[in-house]
Amino acid sequence: MNVNTETQHSLNDLIEIARDGGDFYTEAAGKVEDSELSTLFGQMASHKRDIVAGLSADVTATGGEPAEHGTMVGTMAQAYTDVRAALGDTNYEYVSQLEEAEDRLMAAFKDTIDDDDTPAAAKASAEKYMPRIVECHNIMRSRKEAMKAAS
């Protein structure tokens, strides 16, 4: 594989995982009963769309086609959460599972940055978005911990 193809592959993996998160937040925003959570989820979905758009532009700049779909894991996580939310505390289930989605996204970005085989352009793209990834992760982790402590 040439460097551009490797860069495209690395960034498309991140696009798919970020898209999973954005889709999940959008779905959750429409299903939770708490208007504050719904607003938060909408904001988080917007952050994920921004990341997908930026990474997609980076893929296009290397002559590639950006990924257009999420992952099977992301789709399965959404379905699992829907079932759990139907059986329990809808708000907490969505916050908990979305925090796990943030963990997954942050781990993927860290892996891309830390992998010695990742092309420099892909690392630079991942590093550019990492502060926002960490911020979103911390927001959801704090929300989950606060909800758990309140129950």
N, C-alpha and C. Protein backbone atom coordinates (compact mmCIF):
# COMPACT_ATOMS: atom_id res chain seq x y z
N MET A 1 0.84 -1.18 0.00
CA MET A 1 0.00 0.00 0.00
C MET A 1 0.88 1.24 0.00
N ASN A 2 0.49 2.25 -0.77
CA ASN A 2 1.26 3.48 -0.73
C ASN A 2 0.79 4.35 0.44
N VAL A 3 1.51 5.41 0.71
CA VAL A 3 1.24 6.25 1.88
C VAL A 3 -0.16 6.86 1.83
N ASN A 4 -0.58 7.34 0.66
CA ASN A 4 -1.92 7.92 0.55
C ASN A 4 -3.01 6.89 0.85
N THR A 5 -2.84 5.69 0.33
CA THR A 5 -3.82 4.63 0.58
C THR A 5 -3.86 4.27 2.06
N GLU A 6 -2.70 4.19 2.69
CA GLU A 6 -2.65 3.89 4.12
C GLU A 6 -3.30 5.01 4.93
N THR A 7 -3.05 6.25 4.54
CA THR A 7 -3.67 7.40 5.21
C THR A 7 -5.18 7.33 5.08
N GLN A 8 -5.65 7.08 3.88
CA GLN A 8 -7.09 6.98 3.64
C GLN A 8 -7.71 5.88 4.48
N HIS A 9 -7.05 4.74 4.54
CA HIS A 9 -7.56 3.61 5.32
C HIS A 9 -7.65 3.98 6.81
N SER A 10 -6.59 4.57 7.33
CA SER A 10 -6.57 4.96 8.75
C SER A 10 -7.68 5.97 9.06
N LEU A 11 -7.80 6.98 8.21
CA LEU A 11 -8.81 8.02 8.45
C LEU A 11 -10.22 7.49 8.25
N ASN A 12 -10.42 6.61 7.28
CA ASN A 12 -11.76 6.04 7.07
C ASN A 12 -12.19 5.19 8.26
N ASP A 13 -11.26 4.50 8.90
CA ASP A 13 -11.60 3.77 10.13
C ASP A 13 -12.13 4.74 11.18
N LEU A 14 -11.47 5.87 11.34
CA LEU A 14 -11.90 6.87 12.33
C LEU A 14 -13.24 7.49 11.93
N ILE A 15 -13.43 7.72 10.64
CA ILE A 15 -14.70 8.27 10.16
C ILE A 15 -15.85 7.33 10.52
N GLU A 16 -15.66 6.04 10.28
CA GLU A 16 -16.73 5.07 10.56
C GLU A 16 -17.10 5.06 12.04
N ILE A 17 -16.11 5.11 12.91
CA ILE A 17 -16.38 5.07 14.35
C ILE A 17 -17.01 6.38 14.81
N ALA A 18 -16.53 7.51 14.29
CA ALA A 18 -17.12 8.80 14.64
C ALA A 18 -18.56 8.89 14.12
N ARG A 19 -18.80 8.34 12.94
CA ARG A 19 -20.16 8.33 12.38
C ARG A 19 -21.09 7.49 13.27
N ASP A 20 -20.58 6.35 13.76
CA ASP A 20 -21.37 5.55 14.70
C ASP A 20 -21.83 6.41 15.87
N GLY A 21 -20.88 7.14 16.45
CA GLY A 21 -21.19 7.98 17.60
C GLY A 21 -22.22 9.05 17.26
N GLY A 22 -22.04 9.71 16.13
CA GLY A 22 -22.99 10.74 15.73
C GLY A 22 -24.38 10.19 15.51
N ASP A 23 -24.47 9.06 14.85
CA ASP A 23 -25.78 8.43 14.61
C ASP A 23 -26.43 8.01 15.93
N PHE A 24 -25.62 7.48 16.83
CA PHE A 24 -26.12 7.02 18.12
C PHE A 24 -26.65 8.21 18.94
N TYR A 25 -25.89 9.30 18.96
CA TYR A 25 -26.35 10.50 19.68
C TYR A 25 -27.64 11.04 19.09
N THR A 26 -27.74 11.06 17.78
CA THR A 26 -28.95 11.56 17.13
C THR A 26 -30.15 10.70 17.52
N GLU A 27 -29.97 9.39 17.47
CA GLU A 27 -31.06 8.49 17.87
C GLU A 27 -31.43 8.71 19.33
N ALA A 28 -30.44 8.77 20.20
CA ALA A 28 -30.69 8.92 21.63
C ALA A 28 -31.38 10.24 21.95
N ALA A 29 -31.02 11.30 21.24
CA ALA A 29 -31.64 12.61 21.47
C ALA A 29 -33.15 12.55 21.28
N GLY A 30 -33.59 11.72 20.37
CA GLY A 30 -35.02 11.58 20.12
C GLY A 30 -35.72 10.60 21.04
N LYS A 31 -34.97 9.85 21.83
CA LYS A 31 -35.59 8.81 22.66
C LYS A 31 -35.60 9.12 24.15
N VAL A 32 -34.69 9.98 24.61
CA VAL A 32 -34.67 10.30 26.04
C VAL A 32 -35.77 11.30 26.36
N GLU A 33 -36.25 11.24 27.58
CA GLU A 33 -37.35 12.12 28.00
C GLU A 33 -36.85 13.42 28.61
N ASP A 34 -35.61 13.45 29.02
CA ASP A 34 -35.01 14.61 29.66
C ASP A 34 -34.56 15.60 28.58
N SER A 35 -35.14 16.81 28.58
CA SER A 35 -34.82 17.78 27.52
C SER A 35 -33.37 18.24 27.58
N GLU A 36 -32.79 18.32 28.78
CA GLU A 36 -31.39 18.70 28.91
C GLU A 36 -30.48 17.65 28.25
N LEU A 37 -30.79 16.37 28.50
CA LEU A 37 -30.01 15.30 27.87
C LEU A 37 -30.20 15.31 26.36
N SER A 38 -31.41 15.54 25.92
CA SER A 38 -31.68 15.57 24.49
C SER A 38 -30.85 16.67 23.82
N THR A 39 -30.79 17.83 24.46
CA THR A 39 -29.99 18.94 23.93
C THR A 39 -28.51 18.57 23.92
N LEU A 40 -28.02 17.99 25.02
CA LEU A 40 -26.62 17.56 25.09
C LEU A 40 -26.31 16.56 23.99
N PHE A 41 -27.18 15.58 23.81
CA PHE A 41 -26.95 14.57 22.78
C PHE A 41 -26.93 15.21 21.39
N GLY A 42 -27.79 16.18 21.17
CA GLY A 42 -27.78 16.89 19.89
C GLY A 42 -26.47 17.62 19.65
N GLN A 43 -25.94 18.23 20.71
CA GLN A 43 -24.65 18.92 20.60
C GLN A 43 -23.52 17.93 20.31
N MET A 44 -23.56 16.80 21.00
CA MET A 44 -22.52 15.79 20.80
C MET A 44 -22.60 15.22 19.38
N ALA A 45 -23.81 15.02 18.87
CA ALA A 45 -23.97 14.54 17.49
C ALA A 45 -23.36 15.55 16.52
N SER A 46 -23.56 16.83 16.80
CA SER A 46 -22.99 17.88 15.96
C SER A 46 -21.46 17.83 15.97
N HIS A 47 -20.88 17.62 17.15
CA HIS A 47 -19.42 17.49 17.24
C HIS A 47 -18.92 16.32 16.38
N LYS A 48 -19.64 15.21 16.45
CA LYS A 48 -19.23 14.03 15.67
C LYS A 48 -19.36 14.31 14.17
N ARG A 49 -20.42 15.01 13.77
CA ARG A 49 -20.57 15.35 12.34
C ARG A 49 -19.41 16.25 11.88
N ASP A 50 -19.01 17.19 12.75
CA ASP A 50 -17.87 18.06 12.41
C ASP A 50 -16.59 17.25 12.22
N ILE A 51 -16.38 16.28 13.10
CA ILE A 51 -15.19 15.43 13.01
C ILE A 51 -15.23 14.60 11.73
N VAL A 52 -16.39 14.02 11.44
CA VAL A 52 -16.54 13.23 10.21
C VAL A 52 -16.28 14.11 8.98
N ALA A 53 -16.82 15.32 8.98
CA ALA A 53 -16.62 16.22 7.84
C ALA A 53 -15.15 16.58 7.67
N GLY A 54 -14.48 16.86 8.78
CA GLY A 54 -13.06 17.22 8.71
C GLY A 54 -12.20 16.07 8.24
N LEU A 55 -12.43 14.89 8.80
CA LEU A 55 -11.66 13.72 8.39
C LEU A 55 -11.96 13.36 6.93
N SER A 56 -13.22 13.52 6.53
CA SER A 56 -13.60 13.24 5.14
C SER A 56 -12.86 14.17 4.18
N ALA A 57 -12.73 15.43 4.56
CA ALA A 57 -11.98 16.38 3.73
C ALA A 57 -10.51 15.96 3.64
N ASP A 58 -9.97 15.45 4.75
CA ASP A 58 -8.58 14.98 4.74
C ASP A 58 -8.41 13.77 3.82
N VAL A 59 -9.38 12.87 3.82
CA VAL A 59 -9.32 11.71 2.92
C VAL A 59 -9.40 12.17 1.46
N THR A 60 -10.32 13.08 1.18
CA THR A 60 -10.48 13.60 -0.17
C THR A 60 -9.20 14.29 -0.65
N ALA A 61 -8.54 15.00 0.27
CA ALA A 61 -7.29 15.70 -0.08
C ALA A 61 -6.19 14.74 -0.51
N THR A 62 -6.27 13.48 -0.07
CA THR A 62 -5.27 12.49 -0.48
C THR A 62 -5.71 11.73 -1.73
N GLY A 63 -6.86 12.14 -2.30
CA GLY A 63 -7.34 11.49 -3.51
C GLY A 63 -8.25 10.31 -3.25
N GLY A 64 -8.68 10.13 -2.01
CA GLY A 64 -9.51 8.99 -1.66
C GLY A 64 -10.98 9.33 -1.54
N GLU A 65 -11.76 8.29 -1.30
CA GLU A 65 -13.20 8.41 -1.07
C GLU A 65 -13.46 8.20 0.42
N PRO A 66 -14.08 9.17 1.08
CA PRO A 66 -14.38 9.00 2.51
C PRO A 66 -15.42 7.91 2.75
N ALA A 67 -15.29 7.24 3.87
CA ALA A 67 -16.27 6.22 4.27
C ALA A 67 -17.64 6.88 4.41
N GLU A 68 -18.67 6.16 4.00
CA GLU A 68 -20.02 6.71 4.03
C GLU A 68 -20.91 6.07 5.08
N HIS A 69 -20.42 5.06 5.77
CA HIS A 69 -21.24 4.34 6.73
C HIS A 69 -20.47 4.16 8.03
N GLY A 70 -21.20 3.73 9.06
CA GLY A 70 -20.57 3.39 10.33
C GLY A 70 -20.13 1.94 10.32
N THR A 71 -19.95 1.40 11.52
CA THR A 71 -19.49 0.02 11.67
C THR A 71 -20.62 -0.89 12.14
N MET A 72 -20.43 -2.18 11.98
CA MET A 72 -21.39 -3.15 12.48
C MET A 72 -21.44 -3.10 14.01
N VAL A 73 -20.30 -2.91 14.64
CA VAL A 73 -20.24 -2.83 16.10
C VAL A 73 -21.10 -1.67 16.59
N GLY A 74 -21.02 -0.53 15.92
CA GLY A 74 -21.81 0.62 16.31
C GLY A 74 -23.30 0.37 16.17
N THR A 75 -23.69 -0.28 15.10
CA THR A 75 -25.10 -0.61 14.88
C THR A 75 -25.61 -1.57 15.95
N MET A 76 -24.79 -2.55 16.29
CA MET A 76 -25.19 -3.52 17.31
C MET A 76 -25.30 -2.85 18.68
N ALA A 77 -24.41 -1.94 18.99
CA ALA A 77 -24.45 -1.24 20.27
C ALA A 77 -25.72 -0.42 20.40
N GLN A 78 -26.14 0.22 19.32
CA GLN A 78 -27.38 0.99 19.34
C GLN A 78 -28.57 0.07 19.60
N ALA A 79 -28.64 -1.05 18.93
CA ALA A 79 -29.75 -1.99 19.12
C ALA A 79 -29.77 -2.52 20.55
N TYR A 80 -28.61 -2.86 21.08
CA TYR A 80 -28.49 -3.35 22.45
C TYR A 80 -29.00 -2.30 23.43
N THR A 81 -28.64 -1.06 23.22
CA THR A 81 -29.07 0.01 24.12
C THR A 81 -30.57 0.21 24.03
N ASP A 82 -31.14 0.13 22.85
CA ASP A 82 -32.58 0.27 22.70
C ASP A 82 -33.31 -0.76 23.55
N VAL A 83 -32.84 -1.99 23.53
CA VAL A 83 -33.47 -3.06 24.32
C VAL A 83 -33.32 -2.78 25.81
N ARG A 84 -32.11 -2.45 26.24
CA ARG A 84 -31.86 -2.17 27.66
C ARG A 84 -32.66 -0.96 28.14
N ALA A 85 -32.75 0.06 27.31
CA ALA A 85 -33.49 1.26 27.69
C ALA A 85 -34.97 0.95 27.84
N ALA A 86 -35.48 0.06 27.02
CA ALA A 86 -36.89 -0.32 27.11
C ALA A 86 -37.19 -1.05 28.41
N LEU A 87 -36.17 -1.69 28.98
CA LEU A 87 -36.35 -2.48 30.20
C LEU A 87 -35.97 -1.74 31.47
N GLY A 88 -35.33 -0.59 31.35
CA GLY A 88 -34.83 0.08 32.54
C GLY A 88 -34.89 1.59 32.42
N ASP A 89 -33.92 2.24 33.04
CA ASP A 89 -33.81 3.70 33.04
C ASP A 89 -33.27 4.17 31.69
N THR A 90 -34.17 4.65 30.86
CA THR A 90 -33.81 5.06 29.50
C THR A 90 -32.67 6.06 29.49
N ASN A 91 -32.78 7.11 30.31
CA ASN A 91 -31.76 8.16 30.30
C ASN A 91 -30.40 7.60 30.68
N TYR A 92 -30.34 6.83 31.76
CA TYR A 92 -29.05 6.30 32.21
C TYR A 92 -28.48 5.32 31.19
N GLU A 93 -29.31 4.47 30.62
CA GLU A 93 -28.82 3.49 29.64
C GLU A 93 -28.18 4.19 28.44
N TYR A 94 -28.83 5.24 27.96
CA TYR A 94 -28.24 5.95 26.82
C TYR A 94 -26.94 6.64 27.22
N VAL A 95 -26.92 7.30 28.37
CA VAL A 95 -25.69 7.97 28.81
C VAL A 95 -24.57 6.94 28.97
N SER A 96 -24.88 5.82 29.60
CA SER A 96 -23.87 4.79 29.83
C SER A 96 -23.31 4.24 28.52
N GLN A 97 -24.18 3.92 27.59
CA GLN A 97 -23.72 3.35 26.32
C GLN A 97 -23.02 4.39 25.44
N LEU A 98 -23.47 5.63 25.52
CA LEU A 98 -22.80 6.68 24.76
C LEU A 98 -21.42 6.97 25.32
N GLU A 99 -21.27 6.85 26.63
CA GLU A 99 -19.95 7.01 27.23
C GLU A 99 -19.03 5.90 26.74
N GLU A 100 -19.56 4.69 26.61
CA GLU A 100 -18.76 3.59 26.05
C GLU A 100 -18.39 3.86 24.59
N ALA A 101 -19.30 4.46 23.84
CA ALA A 101 -18.99 4.82 22.45
C ALA A 101 -17.87 5.86 22.42
N GLU A 102 -17.89 6.78 23.38
CA GLU A 102 -16.81 7.77 23.48
C GLU A 102 -15.49 7.08 23.80
N ASP A 103 -15.53 6.08 24.69
CA ASP A 103 -14.32 5.30 25.00
C ASP A 103 -13.75 4.67 23.73
N ARG A 104 -14.64 4.08 22.95
CA ARG A 104 -14.23 3.40 21.71
C ARG A 104 -13.61 4.38 20.72
N LEU A 105 -14.23 5.54 20.57
CA LEU A 105 -13.71 6.54 19.65
C LEU A 105 -12.36 7.07 20.12
N MET A 106 -12.25 7.35 21.41
CA MET A 106 -11.00 7.86 21.94
C MET A 106 -9.88 6.83 21.78
N ALA A 107 -10.19 5.57 22.04
CA ALA A 107 -9.19 4.51 21.88
C ALA A 107 -8.74 4.40 20.42
N ALA A 108 -9.66 4.52 19.49
CA ALA A 108 -9.30 4.44 18.07
C ALA A 108 -8.38 5.59 17.67
N PHE A 109 -8.69 6.78 18.16
CA PHE A 109 -7.83 7.93 17.85
C PHE A 109 -6.46 7.76 18.48
N LYS A 110 -6.41 7.30 19.73
CA LYS A 110 -5.12 7.07 20.40
C LYS A 110 -4.31 6.02 19.66
N ASP A 111 -4.97 4.94 19.25
CA ASP A 111 -4.27 3.88 18.51
C ASP A 111 -3.67 4.42 17.21
N THR A 112 -4.42 5.25 16.51
CA THR A 112 -3.93 5.83 15.27
C THR A 112 -2.71 6.72 15.53
N ILE A 113 -2.79 7.51 16.58
CA ILE A 113 -1.69 8.42 16.92
C ILE A 113 -0.46 7.65 17.39
N ASP A 114 -0.67 6.62 18.19
CA ASP A 114 0.44 5.89 18.80
C ASP A 114 1.08 4.83 17.90
N ASP A 115 0.38 4.41 16.85
CA ASP A 115 0.89 3.35 15.97
C ASP A 115 2.04 3.88 15.11
N ASP A 116 3.18 3.25 15.25
CA ASP A 116 4.36 3.67 14.48
C ASP A 116 4.17 3.50 12.97
N ASP A 117 3.25 2.64 12.57
CA ASP A 117 3.03 2.39 11.15
C ASP A 117 2.01 3.36 10.53
N THR A 118 1.36 4.18 11.36
CA THR A 118 0.38 5.13 10.83
C THR A 118 1.12 6.25 10.09
N PRO A 119 0.70 6.55 8.85
CA PRO A 119 1.35 7.64 8.11
C PRO A 119 1.21 8.98 8.85
N ALA A 120 2.19 9.84 8.65
CA ALA A 120 2.23 11.14 9.34
C ALA A 120 0.97 11.96 9.10
N ALA A 121 0.43 11.94 7.89
CA ALA A 121 -0.77 12.73 7.59
C ALA A 121 -1.97 12.24 8.39
N ALA A 122 -2.10 10.93 8.55
CA ALA A 122 -3.21 10.38 9.34
C ALA A 122 -3.03 10.72 10.82
N LYS A 123 -1.79 10.63 11.31
CA LYS A 123 -1.52 11.01 12.71
C LYS A 123 -1.87 12.47 12.94
N ALA A 124 -1.47 13.33 12.02
CA ALA A 124 -1.75 14.76 12.16
C ALA A 124 -3.25 15.03 12.20
N SER A 125 -4.01 14.34 11.36
CA SER A 125 -5.46 14.51 11.37
C SER A 125 -6.05 14.05 12.69
N ALA A 126 -5.62 12.90 13.17
CA ALA A 126 -6.12 12.38 14.44
C ALA A 126 -5.76 13.32 15.59
N GLU A 127 -4.53 13.81 15.59
CA GLU A 127 -4.09 14.72 16.65
C GLU A 127 -4.89 16.02 16.64
N LYS A 128 -5.28 16.46 15.47
CA LYS A 128 -6.06 17.70 15.34
C LYS A 128 -7.40 17.59 16.07
N TYR A 129 -8.02 16.42 16.02
CA TYR A 129 -9.34 16.24 16.61
C TYR A 129 -9.31 15.66 18.03
N MET A 130 -8.16 15.20 18.46
CA MET A 130 -8.07 14.54 19.76
C MET A 130 -8.55 15.41 20.93
N PRO A 131 -8.23 16.71 20.99
CA PRO A 131 -8.74 17.50 22.12
C PRO A 131 -10.27 17.48 22.22
N ARG A 132 -10.96 17.57 21.09
CA ARG A 132 -12.42 17.53 21.12
C ARG A 132 -12.92 16.14 21.51
N ILE A 133 -12.24 15.10 21.06
CA ILE A 133 -12.60 13.73 21.42
C ILE A 133 -12.51 13.56 22.93
N VAL A 134 -11.42 14.02 23.52
CA VAL A 134 -11.22 13.91 24.97
C VAL A 134 -12.27 14.73 25.71
N GLU A 135 -12.56 15.93 25.22
CA GLU A 135 -13.57 16.78 25.86
C GLU A 135 -14.94 16.10 25.87
N CYS A 136 -15.35 15.57 24.73
CA CYS A 136 -16.65 14.89 24.65
C CYS A 136 -16.67 13.67 25.57
N HIS A 137 -15.59 12.92 25.57
CA HIS A 137 -15.51 11.75 26.45
C HIS A 137 -15.67 12.16 27.90
N ASN A 138 -14.98 13.21 28.31
CA ASN A 138 -15.04 13.65 29.71
C ASN A 138 -16.43 14.14 30.09
N ILE A 139 -17.11 14.81 29.18
CA ILE A 139 -18.48 15.26 29.44
C ILE A 139 -19.38 14.06 29.70
N MET A 140 -19.30 13.05 28.86
CA MET A 140 -20.18 11.89 29.03
C MET A 140 -19.79 11.07 30.25
N ARG A 141 -18.51 10.95 30.54
CA ARG A 141 -18.09 10.22 31.73
C ARG A 141 -18.60 10.93 32.98
N SER A 142 -18.48 12.25 33.03
CA SER A 142 -18.96 13.02 34.18
C SER A 142 -20.47 12.89 34.34
N ARG A 143 -21.18 12.93 33.22
CA ARG A 143 -22.64 12.81 33.27
C ARG A 143 -23.04 11.43 33.78
N LYS A 144 -22.35 10.40 33.31
CA LYS A 144 -22.64 9.03 33.76
C LYS A 144 -22.38 8.89 35.25
N GLU A 145 -21.24 9.39 35.71
CA GLU A 145 -20.90 9.29 37.14
C GLU A 145 -21.89 10.06 38.00
N ALA A 146 -22.33 11.23 37.55
CA ALA A 146 -23.30 12.02 38.31
C ALA A 146 -24.64 11.29 38.39
N MET A 147 -25.07 10.69 37.30
CA MET A 147 -26.34 9.96 37.30
C MET A 147 -26.25 8.73 38.19
N LYS A 148 -25.12 8.05 38.16
CA LYS A 148 -24.93 6.86 38.99
C LYS A 148 -24.94 7.24 40.46
N ALA A 149 -24.28 8.34 40.81
CA ALA A 149 -24.23 8.79 42.20
C ALA A 149 -25.60 9.24 42.71
N ALA A 150 -26.42 9.77 41.81
CA ALA A 150 -27.74 10.27 42.20
C ALA A 150 -28.77 9.15 42.38
N SER A 151 -28.45 7.97 41.87
CA SER A 151 -29.45 6.88 41.94
C SER A 151 -29.33 6.08 43.22
